[in-house]
Amino acid sequence: MRQVFVLIFLLVSLSGFSQNQELFEIANLAYQNGEFEAAISSYEKILKDGEASAELYYNLGNAHYKLNNVAPSIYYFEKALQLEPKDEDILNNIEFARNMAIDDIDEVEETGLSASFDRMIANYSASGWAVFAIAFSVIFVILFLLYYISRNSLKKRVFLGLASLSLLACIITVVFAFQQETFVENNRYAIIFEEVVEVRDEPNLRGEASYELHEGTKAKVLENFQEWSRIQLSNGAQGWVQTQNIRKL
């Protein structure tokens, strides 16, 4: 009976994948024909089914960019970068999208060993570091087998040394994968989605706003309080905005 349920589950999963793949191709065709609204609608249906990929986010970002939708375009390019941080096409297109944003905020680059380590970790996603870990583990197994079957003492030392290095690299990349997840958890960002958003010193509507932000601006979310979120900009400025006016990445 259990095998029947497993078979049904697999068939349903394959059917859903096939439908989403067909929908993805329909969306791509609509995009190529300049029907950007239709393309967005199809892409979003795939997202609602729980399917997500850097390519899907990238295509959504491009479609919104063609319609001059500043905030959604930047948002989806940012989502794509979370999955593929070093993709050149995404990096290039997000710069075009950012140029549509009104706010020009200087970035204060963090320095020190901790900041350098975080930047190195951010070069790849957690799954990317996991792929490296798997590759190094396979290399380790191969080298260890060569060490085991080799009869030449010099070759045995070489294989053992390389196997040890590959094992060390595997352990390091596993640690990096977990560190990347921690980094993401501790660095939650959001995109301003309203045309104009007031930033306040306190999480309430009393008094006047400290300053304003415009759609497409990226901010780090420091904490949440009821319907408010405290954000920090790349120049270090902080303040409270209503959570409904931002979309978290």
C-alpha atoms as a PDB file:
ATOM      1  CA  MET A   1       0.000   0.000   0.000  1.00  0.00           C
ATOM      2  CA  ARG A   2       2.865   2.350   0.844  1.00  0.00           C
ATOM      3  CA  GLN A   3       4.379   1.755  -2.613  1.00  0.00           C
ATOM      4  CA  VAL A   4       1.087   2.841  -4.188  1.00  0.00           C
ATOM      5  CA  PHE A   5       1.117   6.130  -2.271  1.00  0.00           C
ATOM      6  CA  VAL A   6       4.746   6.739  -3.243  1.00  0.00           C
ATOM      7  CA  LEU A   7       3.940   6.048  -6.899  1.00  0.00           C
ATOM      8  CA  ILE A   8       0.969   8.429  -6.791  1.00  0.00           C
ATOM      9  CA  PHE A   9       3.113  11.116  -5.152  1.00  0.00           C
ATOM     10  CA  LEU A  10       5.800  10.748  -7.828  1.00  0.00           C
ATOM     11  CA  LEU A  11       3.255  10.912 -10.628  1.00  0.00           C
ATOM     12  CA  VAL A  12       1.661  14.056  -9.177  1.00  0.00           C
ATOM     13  CA  SER A  13       5.086  15.664  -8.700  1.00  0.00           C
ATOM     14  CA  LEU A  14       6.129  14.867 -12.256  1.00  0.00           C
ATOM     15  CA  SER A  15       2.820  16.176 -13.558  1.00  0.00           C
ATOM     16  CA  GLY A  16       3.256  19.436 -11.644  1.00  0.00           C
ATOM     17  CA  PHE A  17       6.820  19.816 -12.911  1.00  0.00           C
ATOM     18  CA  SER A  18       5.696  19.225 -16.496  1.00  0.00           C
ATOM     19  CA  GLN A  19       2.912  21.816 -16.181  1.00  0.00           C
ATOM     20  CA  ASN A  20       5.275  24.409 -14.710  1.00  0.00           C
ATOM     21  CA  GLN A  21       7.846  23.753 -17.422  1.00  0.00           C
ATOM     22  CA  GLU A  22       5.172  24.268 -20.062  1.00  0.00           C
ATOM     23  CA  LEU A  23       3.999  27.437 -18.294  1.00  0.00           C
ATOM     24  CA  PHE A  24       7.595  28.677 -18.150  1.00  0.00           C
ATOM     25  CA  GLU A  25       7.965  28.220 -21.907  1.00  0.00           C
ATOM     26  CA  ILE A  26       4.660  30.028 -22.490  1.00  0.00           C
ATOM     27  CA  ALA A  27       5.870  32.907 -20.312  1.00  0.00           C
ATOM     28  CA  ASN A  28       9.168  33.081 -22.210  1.00  0.00           C
ATOM     29  CA  LEU A  29       7.322  33.191 -25.515  1.00  0.00           C
ATOM     30  CA  ALA A  30       5.075  35.986 -24.239  1.00  0.00           C
ATOM     31  CA  TYR A  31       8.177  37.911 -23.139  1.00  0.00           C
ATOM     32  CA  GLN A  32       9.803  37.480 -26.566  1.00  0.00           C
ATOM     33  CA  ASN A  33       6.600  38.806 -28.185  1.00  0.00           C
ATOM     34  CA  GLY A  34       6.645  41.885 -25.957  1.00  0.00           C
ATOM     35  CA  GLU A  35       3.648  40.722 -23.905  1.00  0.00           C
ATOM     36  CA  PHE A  36       5.313  41.507 -20.591  1.00  0.00           C
ATOM     37  CA  GLU A  37       2.166  41.559 -18.436  1.00  0.00           C
ATOM     38  CA  ALA A  38       1.206  38.092 -19.672  1.00  0.00           C
ATOM     39  CA  ALA A  39       4.733  36.853 -19.066  1.00  0.00           C
ATOM     40  CA  ILE A  40       4.689  38.178 -15.492  1.00  0.00           C
ATOM     41  CA  SER A  41       1.334  36.512 -14.842  1.00  0.00           C
ATOM     42  CA  SER A  42       2.651  33.131 -15.988  1.00  0.00           C
ATOM     43  CA  TYR A  43       5.919  33.452 -14.069  1.00  0.00           C
ATOM     44  CA  GLU A  44       4.021  34.337 -10.886  1.00  0.00           C
ATOM     45  CA  LYS A  45       1.783  31.280 -11.278  1.00  0.00           C
ATOM     46  CA  ILE A  46       4.925  29.128 -11.197  1.00  0.00           C
ATOM     47  CA  LEU A  47       6.073  30.910  -8.034  1.00  0.00           C
ATOM     48  CA  LYS A  48       2.704  30.265  -6.394  1.00  0.00           C
ATOM     49  CA  ASP A  49       3.202  26.548  -7.066  1.00  0.00           C
ATOM     50  CA  GLY A  50       6.347  26.700  -4.964  1.00  0.00           C
ATOM     51  CA  GLU A  51       8.791  26.536  -7.861  1.00  0.00           C
ATOM     52  CA  ALA A  52      11.629  29.048  -7.637  1.00  0.00           C
ATOM     53  CA  SER A  53      14.950  29.437  -9.434  1.00  0.00           C
ATOM     54  CA  ALA A  54      17.450  32.150 -10.291  1.00  0.00           C
ATOM     55  CA  GLU A  55      16.317  31.973 -13.925  1.00  0.00           C
ATOM     56  CA  LEU A  56      12.674  32.467 -12.969  1.00  0.00           C
ATOM     57  CA  TYR A  57      13.449  35.473 -10.743  1.00  0.00           C
ATOM     58  CA  TYR A  58      15.759  36.871 -13.409  1.00  0.00           C
ATOM     59  CA  ASN A  59      13.059  36.662 -16.090  1.00  0.00           C
ATOM     60  CA  LEU A  60      10.539  38.296 -13.747  1.00  0.00           C
ATOM     61  CA  GLY A  61      12.996  41.107 -13.083  1.00  0.00           C
ATOM     62  CA  ASN A  62      13.490  41.631 -16.815  1.00  0.00           C
ATOM     63  CA  ALA A  63       9.757  41.682 -17.523  1.00  0.00           C
ATOM     64  CA  HIS A  64       9.122  44.264 -14.791  1.00  0.00           C
ATOM     65  CA  TYR A  65      12.077  46.313 -16.021  1.00  0.00           C
ATOM     66  CA  LYS A  66      10.552  46.450 -19.501  1.00  0.00           C
ATOM     67  CA  LEU A  67       7.387  47.899 -17.906  1.00  0.00           C
ATOM     68  CA  ASN A  68       9.408  50.401 -15.827  1.00  0.00           C
ATOM     69  CA  ASN A  69       8.207  48.768 -12.609  1.00  0.00           C
ATOM     70  CA  VAL A  70      11.101  49.940 -10.460  1.00  0.00           C
ATOM     71  CA  ALA A  71      10.528  48.126  -7.166  1.00  0.00           C
ATOM     72  CA  PRO A  72       9.451  44.714  -8.559  1.00  0.00           C
ATOM     73  CA  SER A  73      12.310  44.737 -11.062  1.00  0.00           C
ATOM     74  CA  ILE A  74      14.949  45.341  -8.366  1.00  0.00           C
ATOM     75  CA  TYR A  75      13.216  42.931  -5.990  1.00  0.00           C
ATOM     76  CA  TYR A  76      13.290  39.977  -8.371  1.00  0.00           C
ATOM     77  CA  PHE A  77      16.850  40.653  -9.509  1.00  0.00           C
ATOM     78  CA  GLU A  78      17.840  40.656  -5.824  1.00  0.00           C
ATOM     79  CA  LYS A  79      16.029  37.333  -5.346  1.00  0.00           C
ATOM     80  CA  ALA A  80      17.934  35.922  -8.315  1.00  0.00           C
ATOM     81  CA  LEU A  81      21.229  37.125  -6.826  1.00  0.00           C
ATOM     82  CA  GLN A  82      20.480  35.323  -3.582  1.00  0.00           C
ATOM     83  CA  LEU A  83      20.562  32.060  -5.555  1.00  0.00           C
ATOM     84  CA  GLU A  84      23.326  32.986  -8.012  1.00  0.00           C
ATOM     85  CA  PRO A  85      25.467  35.734  -6.414  1.00  0.00           C
ATOM     86  CA  LYS A  86      28.129  35.717  -9.162  1.00  0.00           C
ATOM     87  CA  ASP A  87      25.909  35.546 -12.256  1.00  0.00           C
ATOM     88  CA  GLU A  88      27.133  38.275 -14.640  1.00  0.00           C
ATOM     89  CA  ASP A  89      23.790  38.757 -16.420  1.00  0.00           C
ATOM     90  CA  ILE A  90      21.950  39.298 -13.142  1.00  0.00           C
ATOM     91  CA  LEU A  91      24.661  41.650 -11.856  1.00  0.00           C
ATOM     92  CA  ASN A  92      24.538  43.705 -15.053  1.00  0.00           C
ATOM     93  CA  ASN A  93      20.759  43.949 -15.270  1.00  0.00           C
ATOM     94  CA  ILE A  94      20.255  44.835 -11.618  1.00  0.00           C
ATOM     95  CA  GLU A  95      22.496  47.866 -12.159  1.00  0.00           C
ATOM     96  CA  PHE A  96      20.195  49.028 -14.957  1.00  0.00           C
ATOM     97  CA  ALA A  97      17.203  48.552 -12.667  1.00  0.00           C
ATOM     98  CA  ARG A  98      18.869  50.418  -9.805  1.00  0.00           C
ATOM     99  CA  ASN A  99      19.455  53.366 -12.100  1.00  0.00           C
ATOM    100  CA  MET A 100      15.663  53.814 -12.278  1.00  0.00           C
ATOM    101  CA  ALA A 101      15.465  54.318  -8.504  1.00  0.00           C
ATOM    102  CA  ILE A 102      15.314  57.902  -7.244  1.00  0.00           C
ATOM    103  CA  ASP A 103      17.313  57.523  -4.031  1.00  0.00           C
ATOM    104  CA  ASP A 104      21.072  57.682  -4.492  1.00  0.00           C
ATOM    105  CA  ILE A 105      22.492  56.451  -1.203  1.00  0.00           C
ATOM    106  CA  ASP A 106      26.213  56.223  -0.619  1.00  0.00           C
ATOM    107  CA  GLU A 107      27.409  52.864   0.599  1.00  0.00           C
ATOM    108  CA  VAL A 108      29.721  52.719   3.594  1.00  0.00           C
ATOM    109  CA  GLU A 109      31.855  49.634   3.088  1.00  0.00           C
ATOM    110  CA  GLU A 110      32.601  47.639   6.206  1.00  0.00           C
ATOM    111  CA  THR A 111      36.235  46.848   6.878  1.00  0.00           C
ATOM    112  CA  GLY A 112      38.118  44.314   8.983  1.00  0.00           C
ATOM    113  CA  LEU A 113      38.581  40.558   8.966  1.00  0.00           C
ATOM    114  CA  SER A 114      34.945  39.852   9.843  1.00  0.00           C
ATOM    115  CA  ALA A 115      33.670  41.954   6.926  1.00  0.00           C
ATOM    116  CA  SER A 116      36.165  40.322   4.541  1.00  0.00           C
ATOM    117  CA  PHE A 117      35.068  36.878   5.698  1.00  0.00           C
ATOM    118  CA  ASP A 118      31.394  37.789   5.190  1.00  0.00           C
ATOM    119  CA  ARG A 119      32.121  39.034   1.662  1.00  0.00           C
ATOM    120  CA  MET A 120      33.941  35.796   0.859  1.00  0.00           C
ATOM    121  CA  ILE A 121      31.047  33.715   2.212  1.00  0.00           C
ATOM    122  CA  ALA A 122      28.567  35.799   0.185  1.00  0.00           C
ATOM    123  CA  ASN A 123      30.321  34.892  -3.086  1.00  0.00           C
ATOM    124  CA  TYR A 124      28.242  31.699  -3.239  1.00  0.00           C
ATOM    125  CA  SER A 125      24.884  30.605  -1.912  1.00  0.00           C
ATOM    126  CA  ALA A 126      24.611  27.877   0.733  1.00  0.00           C
ATOM    127  CA  SER A 127      23.762  25.359  -1.996  1.00  0.00           C
ATOM    128  CA  GLY A 128      26.793  26.537  -3.985  1.00  0.00           C
ATOM    129  CA  TRP A 129      29.133  25.860  -1.067  1.00  0.00           C
ATOM    130  CA  ALA A 130      27.392  22.498  -0.582  1.00  0.00           C
ATOM    131  CA  VAL A 131      28.210  21.566  -4.189  1.00  0.00           C
ATOM    132  CA  PHE A 132      31.876  22.332  -3.509  1.00  0.00           C
ATOM    133  CA  ALA A 133      31.721  20.161  -0.373  1.00  0.00           C
ATOM    134  CA  ILE A 134      30.300  17.233  -2.343  1.00  0.00           C
ATOM    135  CA  ALA A 135      32.953  17.640  -5.054  1.00  0.00           C
ATOM    136  CA  PHE A 136      35.774  17.662  -2.506  1.00  0.00           C
ATOM    137  CA  SER A 137      34.309  14.616  -0.752  1.00  0.00           C
ATOM    138  CA  VAL A 138      34.272  12.705  -4.058  1.00  0.00           C
ATOM    139  CA  ILE A 139      37.872  13.737  -4.732  1.00  0.00           C
ATOM    140  CA  PHE A 140      38.815  12.586  -1.236  1.00  0.00           C
ATOM    141  CA  VAL A 141      37.283   9.136  -1.785  1.00  0.00           C
ATOM    142  CA  ILE A 142      39.065   8.731  -5.127  1.00  0.00           C
ATOM    143  CA  LEU A 143      42.430   9.815  -3.726  1.00  0.00           C
ATOM    144  CA  PHE A 144      42.047   7.606  -0.664  1.00  0.00           C
ATOM    145  CA  LEU A 145      41.283   4.593  -2.882  1.00  0.00           C
ATOM    146  CA  LEU A 146      44.351   5.374  -4.989  1.00  0.00           C
ATOM    147  CA  TYR A 147      46.383   5.575  -1.790  1.00  0.00           C
ATOM    148  CA  TYR A 148      44.975   2.245  -0.614  1.00  0.00           C
ATOM    149  CA  ILE A 149      45.679   0.313  -3.833  1.00  0.00           C
ATOM    150  CA  SER A 150      49.016   1.945  -4.651  1.00  0.00           C
ATOM    151  CA  ARG A 151      52.158  -0.134  -4.070  1.00  0.00           C
ATOM    152  CA  ASN A 152      54.642   2.698  -4.560  1.00  0.00           C
ATOM    153  CA  SER A 153      55.555   4.384  -1.257  1.00  0.00           C
ATOM    154  CA  LEU A 154      56.111   7.804  -2.861  1.00  0.00           C
ATOM    155  CA  LYS A 155      52.755   7.678  -4.627  1.00  0.00           C
ATOM    156  CA  LYS A 156      51.078   6.560  -1.400  1.00  0.00           C
ATOM    157  CA  ARG A 157      52.448   9.631   0.410  1.00  0.00           C
ATOM    158  CA  VAL A 158      51.337  11.919  -2.417  1.00  0.00           C
ATOM    159  CA  PHE A 159      47.839  10.431  -2.568  1.00  0.00           C
ATOM    160  CA  LEU A 160      47.500  10.538   1.217  1.00  0.00           C
ATOM    161  CA  GLY A 161      48.608  14.170   1.330  1.00  0.00           C
ATOM    162  CA  LEU A 162      46.187  15.196  -1.446  1.00  0.00           C
ATOM    163  CA  ALA A 163      43.393  13.191   0.165  1.00  0.00           C
ATOM    164  CA  SER A 164      43.997  14.974   3.465  1.00  0.00           C
ATOM    165  CA  LEU A 165      43.867  18.360   1.725  1.00  0.00           C
ATOM    166  CA  SER A 166      40.640  17.475  -0.086  1.00  0.00           C
ATOM    167  CA  LEU A 167      39.088  16.306   3.189  1.00  0.00           C
ATOM    168  CA  LEU A 168      40.100  19.573   4.832  1.00  0.00           C
ATOM    169  CA  ALA A 169      38.633  21.517   1.898  1.00  0.00           C
ATOM    170  CA  CYS A 170      35.412  19.500   2.229  1.00  0.00           C
ATOM    171  CA  ILE A 171      35.126  20.356   5.924  1.00  0.00           C
ATOM    172  CA  ILE A 172      35.832  24.046   5.257  1.00  0.00           C
ATOM    173  CA  THR A 173      33.200  24.305   2.513  1.00  0.00           C
ATOM    174  CA  VAL A 174      30.621  22.568   4.719  1.00  0.00           C
ATOM    175  CA  VAL A 175      31.349  25.166   7.416  1.00  0.00           C
ATOM    176  CA  PHE A 176      31.037  27.916   4.793  1.00  0.00           C
ATOM    177  CA  ALA A 177      27.647  26.532   3.700  1.00  0.00           C
ATOM    178  CA  PHE A 178      26.332  26.734   7.267  1.00  0.00           C
ATOM    179  CA  GLN A 179      27.925  30.158   7.733  1.00  0.00           C
ATOM    180  CA  GLN A 180      26.199  31.382   4.571  1.00  0.00           C
ATOM    181  CA  GLU A 181      22.817  30.358   5.997  1.00  0.00           C
ATOM    182  CA  THR A 182      23.656  32.182   9.238  1.00  0.00           C
ATOM    183  CA  PHE A 183      24.796  35.216   7.235  1.00  0.00           C
ATOM    184  CA  VAL A 184      21.501  35.313   5.361  1.00  0.00           C
ATOM    185  CA  GLU A 185      19.536  34.962   8.608  1.00  0.00           C
ATOM    186  CA  ASN A 186      21.441  37.869  10.174  1.00  0.00           C
ATOM    187  CA  ASN A 187      21.229  40.056   7.080  1.00  0.00           C
ATOM    188  CA  ARG A 188      17.588  40.329   6.128  1.00  0.00           C
ATOM    189  CA  TYR A 189      16.908  42.934   3.467  1.00  0.00           C
ATOM    190  CA  ALA A 190      13.814  44.461   1.947  1.00  0.00           C
ATOM    191  CA  ILE A 191      12.862  46.640  -0.997  1.00  0.00           C
ATOM    192  CA  ILE A 192      10.719  49.767  -0.652  1.00  0.00           C
ATOM    193  CA  PHE A 193       7.580  49.063  -2.695  1.00  0.00           C
ATOM    194  CA  GLU A 194       5.596  52.269  -2.266  1.00  0.00           C
ATOM    195  CA  GLU A 195       6.300  55.310  -4.439  1.00  0.00           C
ATOM    196  CA  VAL A 196       7.156  57.394  -1.355  1.00  0.00           C
ATOM    197  CA  VAL A 197       7.675  56.084   2.189  1.00  0.00           C
ATOM    198  CA  GLU A 198       8.126  58.151   5.338  1.00  0.00           C
ATOM    199  CA  VAL A 199      10.904  57.066   7.689  1.00  0.00           C
ATOM    200  CA  ARG A 200      10.334  57.883  11.359  1.00  0.00           C
ATOM    201  CA  ASP A 201      12.390  57.901  14.543  1.00  0.00           C
ATOM    202  CA  GLU A 202       9.753  55.873  16.386  1.00  0.00           C
ATOM    203  CA  PRO A 203       7.320  53.125  15.329  1.00  0.00           C
ATOM    204  CA  ASN A 204       4.257  55.375  15.306  1.00  0.00           C
ATOM    205  CA  LEU A 205       2.633  58.153  13.270  1.00  0.00           C
ATOM    206  CA  ARG A 206       3.123  60.849  15.902  1.00  0.00           C
ATOM    207  CA  GLY A 207       5.326  63.744  14.894  1.00  0.00           C
ATOM    208  CA  GLU A 208       6.930  64.416  11.532  1.00  0.00           C
ATOM    209  CA  ALA A 209       8.922  62.001   9.423  1.00  0.00           C
ATOM    210  CA  SER A 210      12.719  62.186   9.587  1.00  0.00           C
ATOM    211  CA  TYR A 211      13.144  61.664   5.846  1.00  0.00           C
ATOM    212  CA  GLU A 212      11.580  59.954   2.846  1.00  0.00           C
ATOM    213  CA  LEU A 213      12.536  56.983   0.726  1.00  0.00           C
ATOM    214  CA  HIS A 214      11.295  56.022  -2.721  1.00  0.00           C
ATOM    215  CA  GLU A 215      10.428  52.769  -4.450  1.00  0.00           C
ATOM    216  CA  GLY A 216      13.274  50.455  -5.291  1.00  0.00           C
ATOM    217  CA  THR A 217      15.530  51.417  -2.387  1.00  0.00           C
ATOM    218  CA  LYS A 218      17.126  48.475  -0.610  1.00  0.00           C
ATOM    219  CA  ALA A 219      17.374  48.475   3.190  1.00  0.00           C
ATOM    220  CA  LYS A 220      18.472  46.064   5.889  1.00  0.00           C
ATOM    221  CA  VAL A 221      15.683  45.002   8.258  1.00  0.00           C
ATOM    222  CA  LEU A 222      16.956  45.215  11.832  1.00  0.00           C
ATOM    223  CA  GLU A 223      13.801  44.347  13.766  1.00  0.00           C
ATOM    224  CA  ASN A 224      10.012  44.255  13.599  1.00  0.00           C
ATOM    225  CA  PHE A 225       7.516  45.755  16.012  1.00  0.00           C
ATOM    226  CA  GLN A 226       3.801  45.223  15.373  1.00  0.00           C
ATOM    227  CA  GLU A 227       3.138  46.761  11.937  1.00  0.00           C
ATOM    228  CA  TRP A 228       6.498  48.559  11.847  1.00  0.00           C
ATOM    229  CA  SER A 229      10.017  47.580  10.736  1.00  0.00           C
ATOM    230  CA  ARG A 230      13.264  49.276  11.730  1.00  0.00           C
ATOM    231  CA  ILE A 231      15.559  49.545   8.731  1.00  0.00           C
ATOM    232  CA  GLN A 232      19.128  50.563   8.052  1.00  0.00           C
ATOM    233  CA  LEU A 233      20.371  52.018   4.767  1.00  0.00           C
ATOM    234  CA  SER A 234      23.747  51.337   3.187  1.00  0.00           C
ATOM    235  CA  ASN A 235      25.012  54.689   4.512  1.00  0.00           C
ATOM    236  CA  GLY A 236      24.179  53.665   8.077  1.00  0.00           C
ATOM    237  CA  ALA A 237      20.999  55.765   8.475  1.00  0.00           C
ATOM    238  CA  GLN A 238      18.229  54.056  10.433  1.00  0.00           C
ATOM    239  CA  GLY A 239      14.524  54.576  11.031  1.00  0.00           C
ATOM    240  CA  TRP A 240      11.091  52.990  11.221  1.00  0.00           C
ATOM    241  CA  VAL A 241       8.773  52.334   8.258  1.00  0.00           C
ATOM    242  CA  GLN A 242       5.408  50.644   8.058  1.00  0.00           C
ATOM    243  CA  THR A 243       5.968  46.982   7.159  1.00  0.00           C
ATOM    244  CA  GLN A 244       3.228  47.081   4.532  1.00  0.00           C
ATOM    245  CA  ASN A 245       5.384  49.487   2.482  1.00  0.00           C
ATOM    246  CA  ILE A 246       8.290  47.097   2.058  1.00  0.00           C
ATOM    247  CA  ARG A 247       8.756  43.604   0.667  1.00  0.00           C
ATOM    248  CA  LYS A 248      11.299  41.412   2.383  1.00  0.00           C
ATOM    249  CA  LEU A 249      13.768  39.480   0.292  1.00  0.00           C
END
